Amino acid sequence: MTNELRADAKQFLDRAFVSEQREGNDGTASEYWLAVSETLSWVAERV
């Protein structure tokens, strides 16, 4: 379970990076994906 959560967190972190690279990005999409990634990482540490 922990490894799955960490893999999901990495996927969302990658998604944040990609959304940050898009032209016209105002930062809200990448902030959202970073928050999702951080939340999953936090949960993975406590499971």
PDB file of N, CA and C in Angstrom:
ATOM      1  N   MET A   1       0.824  -1.192   0.000  1.00  0.00           N
ATOM      2  CA  MET A   1       0.000   0.000   0.000  1.00  0.00           C
ATOM      3  C   MET A   1       0.871   1.261   0.000  1.00  0.00           C
ATOM      4  N   THR A   2       1.897   1.259   0.841  1.00  0.00           N
ATOM      5  CA  THR A   2       2.771   2.429   0.927  1.00  0.00           C
ATOM      6  C   THR A   2       3.472   2.689  -0.396  1.00  0.00           C
ATOM      7  N   ASN A   3       3.967   1.634  -1.024  1.00  0.00           N
ATOM      8  CA  ASN A   3       4.652   1.806  -2.310  1.00  0.00           C
ATOM      9  C   ASN A   3       3.704   2.303  -3.387  1.00  0.00           C
ATOM     10  N   GLU A   4       2.462   1.845  -3.353  1.00  0.00           N
ATOM     11  CA  GLU A   4       1.473   2.313  -4.324  1.00  0.00           C
ATOM     12  C   GLU A   4       1.189   3.795  -4.131  1.00  0.00           C
ATOM     13  N   LEU A   5       1.074   4.223  -2.873  1.00  0.00           N
ATOM     14  CA  LEU A   5       0.838   5.640  -2.596  1.00  0.00           C
ATOM     15  C   LEU A   5       2.017   6.489  -3.052  1.00  0.00           C
ATOM     16  N   ARG A   6       3.218   5.997  -2.817  1.00  0.00           N
ATOM     17  CA  ARG A   6       4.406   6.742  -3.252  1.00  0.00           C
ATOM     18  C   ARG A   6       4.485   6.814  -4.773  1.00  0.00           C
ATOM     19  N   ALA A   7       4.113   5.746  -5.448  1.00  0.00           N
ATOM     20  CA  ALA A   7       4.101   5.754  -6.916  1.00  0.00           C
ATOM     21  C   ALA A   7       3.069   6.746  -7.429  1.00  0.00           C
ATOM     22  N   ASP A   8       1.908   6.774  -6.803  1.00  0.00           N
ATOM     23  CA  ASP A   8       0.883   7.747  -7.181  1.00  0.00           C
ATOM     24  C   ASP A   8       1.366   9.169  -6.927  1.00  0.00           C
ATOM     25  N   ALA A   9       2.032   9.385  -5.802  1.00  0.00           N
ATOM     26  CA  ALA A   9       2.559  10.713  -5.484  1.00  0.00           C
ATOM     27  C   ALA A   9       3.560  11.155  -6.544  1.00  0.00           C
ATOM     28  N   LYS A  10       4.415  10.231  -6.971  1.00  0.00           N
ATOM     29  CA  LYS A  10       5.398  10.550  -8.020  1.00  0.00           C
ATOM     30  C   LYS A  10       4.700  10.897  -9.325  1.00  0.00           C
ATOM     31  N   GLN A  11       3.648  10.174  -9.647  1.00  0.00           N
ATOM     32  CA  GLN A  11       2.890  10.442 -10.873  1.00  0.00           C
ATOM     33  C   GLN A  11       2.293  11.850 -10.833  1.00  0.00           C
ATOM     34  N   PHE A  12       1.722  12.230  -9.701  1.00  0.00           N
ATOM     35  CA  PHE A  12       1.128  13.558  -9.594  1.00  0.00           C
ATOM     36  C   PHE A  12       2.191  14.653  -9.568  1.00  0.00           C
ATOM     37  N   LEU A  13       3.360  14.350  -9.009  1.00  0.00           N
ATOM     38  CA  LEU A  13       4.461  15.305  -9.034  1.00  0.00           C
ATOM     39  C   LEU A  13       4.919  15.534 -10.473  1.00  0.00           C
ATOM     40  N   ASP A  14       4.997  14.462 -11.254  1.00  0.00           N
ATOM     41  CA  ASP A  14       5.341  14.583 -12.672  1.00  0.00           C
ATOM     42  C   ASP A  14       4.287  15.390 -13.418  1.00  0.00           C
ATOM     43  N   ARG A  15       3.034  15.174 -13.084  1.00  0.00           N
ATOM     44  CA  ARG A  15       1.945  15.913 -13.718  1.00  0.00           C
ATOM     45  C   ARG A  15       2.051  17.405 -13.396  1.00  0.00           C
ATOM     46  N   ALA A  16       2.441  17.724 -12.165  1.00  0.00           N
ATOM     47  CA  ALA A  16       2.632  19.127 -11.781  1.00  0.00           C
ATOM     48  C   ALA A  16       3.749  19.756 -12.604  1.00  0.00           C
ATOM     49  N   PHE A  17       4.835  19.004 -12.802  1.00  0.00           N
ATOM     50  CA  PHE A  17       5.955  19.512 -13.590  1.00  0.00           C
ATOM     51  C   PHE A  17       5.523  19.786 -15.027  1.00  0.00           C
ATOM     52  N   VAL A  18       4.784  18.866 -15.618  1.00  0.00           N
ATOM     53  CA  VAL A  18       4.324  19.030 -17.001  1.00  0.00           C
ATOM     54  C   VAL A  18       3.389  20.229 -17.112  1.00  0.00           C
ATOM     55  N   SER A  19       2.485  20.379 -16.171  1.00  0.00           N
ATOM     56  CA  SER A  19       1.548  21.504 -16.240  1.00  0.00           C
ATOM     57  C   SER A  19       2.272  22.832 -16.048  1.00  0.00           C
ATOM     58  N   GLU A  20       3.349  22.823 -15.289  1.00  0.00           N
ATOM     59  CA  GLU A  20       4.141  24.042 -15.088  1.00  0.00           C
ATOM     60  C   GLU A  20       4.860  24.445 -16.376  1.00  0.00           C
ATOM     61  N   GLN A  21       5.186  23.473 -17.219  1.00  0.00           N
ATOM     62  CA  GLN A  21       5.930  23.742 -18.445  1.00  0.00           C
ATOM     63  C   GLN A  21       5.048  24.271 -19.574  1.00  0.00           C
ATOM     64  N   ARG A  22       3.748  24.129 -19.445  1.00  0.00           N
ATOM     65  CA  ARG A  22       2.848  24.581 -20.511  1.00  0.00           C
ATOM     66  C   ARG A  22       2.841  26.103 -20.594  1.00  0.00           C
ATOM     67  N   GLU A  23       2.709  26.599 -21.811  1.00  0.00           N
ATOM     68  CA  GLU A  23       2.631  28.042 -21.996  1.00  0.00           C
ATOM     69  C   GLU A  23       1.301  28.553 -21.464  1.00  0.00           C
ATOM     70  N   GLY A  24       1.319  29.730 -20.900  1.00  0.00           N
ATOM     71  CA  GLY A  24       0.095  30.334 -20.393  1.00  0.00           C
ATOM     72  C   GLY A  24      -0.354  29.764 -19.065  1.00  0.00           C
ATOM     73  N   ASN A  25       0.508  29.005 -18.418  1.00  0.00           N
ATOM     74  CA  ASN A  25       0.145  28.418 -17.130  1.00  0.00           C
ATOM     75  C   ASN A  25       0.165  29.498 -16.064  1.00  0.00           C
ATOM     76  N   ASP A  26      -0.912  29.613 -15.313  1.00  0.00           N
ATOM     77  CA  ASP A  26      -0.972  30.615 -14.244  1.00  0.00           C
ATOM     78  C   ASP A  26      -0.549  30.036 -12.897  1.00  0.00           C
ATOM     79  N   GLY A  27      -0.140  28.779 -12.881  1.00  0.00           N
ATOM     80  CA  GLY A  27       0.362  28.163 -11.663  1.00  0.00           C
ATOM     81  C   GLY A  27      -0.665  27.403 -10.851  1.00  0.00           C
ATOM     82  N   THR A  28      -1.948  27.568 -11.155  1.00  0.00           N
ATOM     83  CA  THR A  28      -2.962  26.913 -10.324  1.00  0.00           C
ATOM     84  C   THR A  28      -2.991  25.406 -10.532  1.00  0.00           C
ATOM     85  N   ALA A  29      -2.806  24.956 -11.766  1.00  0.00           N
ATOM     86  CA  ALA A  29      -2.822  23.510 -12.022  1.00  0.00           C
ATOM     87  C   ALA A  29      -1.642  22.840 -11.340  1.00  0.00           C
ATOM     88  N   SER A  30      -0.464  23.419 -11.467  1.00  0.00           N
ATOM     89  CA  SER A  30       0.709  22.808 -10.853  1.00  0.00           C
ATOM     90  C   SER A  30       0.605  22.845  -9.333  1.00  0.00           C
ATOM     91  N   GLU A  31       0.037  23.911  -8.768  1.00  0.00           N
ATOM     92  CA  GLU A  31      -0.162  23.961  -7.316  1.00  0.00           C
ATOM     93  C   GLU A  31      -1.102  22.854  -6.867  1.00  0.00           C
ATOM     94  N   TYR A  32      -2.146  22.598  -7.638  1.00  0.00           N
ATOM     95  CA  TYR A  32      -3.100  21.543  -7.298  1.00  0.00           C
ATOM     96  C   TYR A  32      -2.410  20.180  -7.296  1.00  0.00           C
ATOM     97  N   TRP A  33      -1.667  19.868  -8.369  1.00  0.00           N
ATOM     98  CA  TRP A  33      -1.016  18.563  -8.466  1.00  0.00           C
ATOM     99  C   TRP A  33       0.074  18.407  -7.418  1.00  0.00           C
ATOM    100  N   LEU A  34       0.766  19.502  -7.084  1.00  0.00           N
ATOM    101  CA  LEU A  34       1.761  19.436  -6.008  1.00  0.00           C
ATOM    102  C   LEU A  34       1.093  19.132  -4.673  1.00  0.00           C
ATOM    103  N   ALA A  35      -0.056  19.751  -4.431  1.00  0.00           N
ATOM    104  CA  ALA A  35      -0.780  19.495  -3.182  1.00  0.00           C
ATOM    105  C   ALA A  35      -1.238  18.043  -3.104  1.00  0.00           C
ATOM    106  N   VAL A  36      -1.724  17.506  -4.211  1.00  0.00           N
ATOM    107  CA  VAL A  36      -2.140  16.099  -4.243  1.00  0.00           C
ATOM    108  C   VAL A  36      -0.940  15.199  -3.965  1.00  0.00           C
ATOM    109  N   SER A  37       0.177  15.487  -4.600  1.00  0.00           N
ATOM    110  CA  SER A  37       1.391  14.700  -4.406  1.00  0.00           C
ATOM    111  C   SER A  37       1.867  14.750  -2.959  1.00  0.00           C
ATOM    112  N   GLU A  38       1.886  15.936  -2.373  1.00  0.00           N
ATOM    113  CA  GLU A  38       2.324  16.081  -0.982  1.00  0.00           C
ATOM    114  C   GLU A  38       1.394  15.345  -0.029  1.00  0.00           C
ATOM    115  N   THR A  39       0.099  15.395  -0.303  1.00  0.00           N
ATOM    116  CA  THR A  39      -0.867  14.700   0.547  1.00  0.00           C
ATOM    117  C   THR A  39      -0.657  13.194   0.489  1.00  0.00           C
ATOM    118  N   LEU A  40      -0.481  12.652  -0.713  1.00  0.00           N
ATOM    119  CA  LEU A  40      -0.244  11.213  -0.848  1.00  0.00           C
ATOM    120  C   LEU A  40       1.066  10.797  -0.186  1.00  0.00           C
ATOM    121  N   SER A  41       2.088  11.623  -0.302  1.00  0.00           N
ATOM    122  CA  SER A  41       3.361  11.318   0.353  1.00  0.00           C
ATOM    123  C   SER A  41       3.195  11.303   1.864  1.00  0.00           C
ATOM    124  N   TRP A  42       2.457  12.252   2.387  1.00  0.00           N
ATOM    125  CA  TRP A  42       2.207  12.331   3.828  1.00  0.00           C
ATOM    126  C   TRP A  42       1.477  11.081   4.308  1.00  0.00           C
ATOM    127  N   VAL A  43       0.455  10.663   3.565  1.00  0.00           N
ATOM    128  CA  VAL A  43      -0.306   9.467   3.931  1.00  0.00           C
ATOM    129  C   VAL A  43       0.592   8.233   3.856  1.00  0.00           C
ATOM    130  N   ALA A  44       1.425   8.145   2.825  1.00  0.00           N
ATOM    131  CA  ALA A  44       2.310   6.986   2.666  1.00  0.00           C
ATOM    132  C   ALA A  44       3.273   6.851   3.842  1.00  0.00           C
ATOM    133  N   GLU A  45       3.722   7.962   4.388  1.00  0.00           N
ATOM    134  CA  GLU A  45       4.632   7.915   5.530  1.00  0.00           C
ATOM    135  C   GLU A  45       3.949   7.404   6.790  1.00  0.00           C
ATOM    136  N   ARG A  46       2.643   7.553   6.866  1.00  0.00           N
ATOM    137  CA  ARG A  46       1.924   7.214   8.085  1.00  0.00           C
ATOM    138  C   ARG A  46       1.160   5.897   8.017  1.00  0.00           C
ATOM    139  N   VAL A  47       1.206   5.242   6.862  1.00  0.00           N
ATOM    140  CA  VAL A  47       0.502   3.958   6.712  1.00  0.00           C
ATOM    141  C   VAL A  47       1.422   2.826   7.097  1.00  0.00           C
TER     142      VAL A  47
END
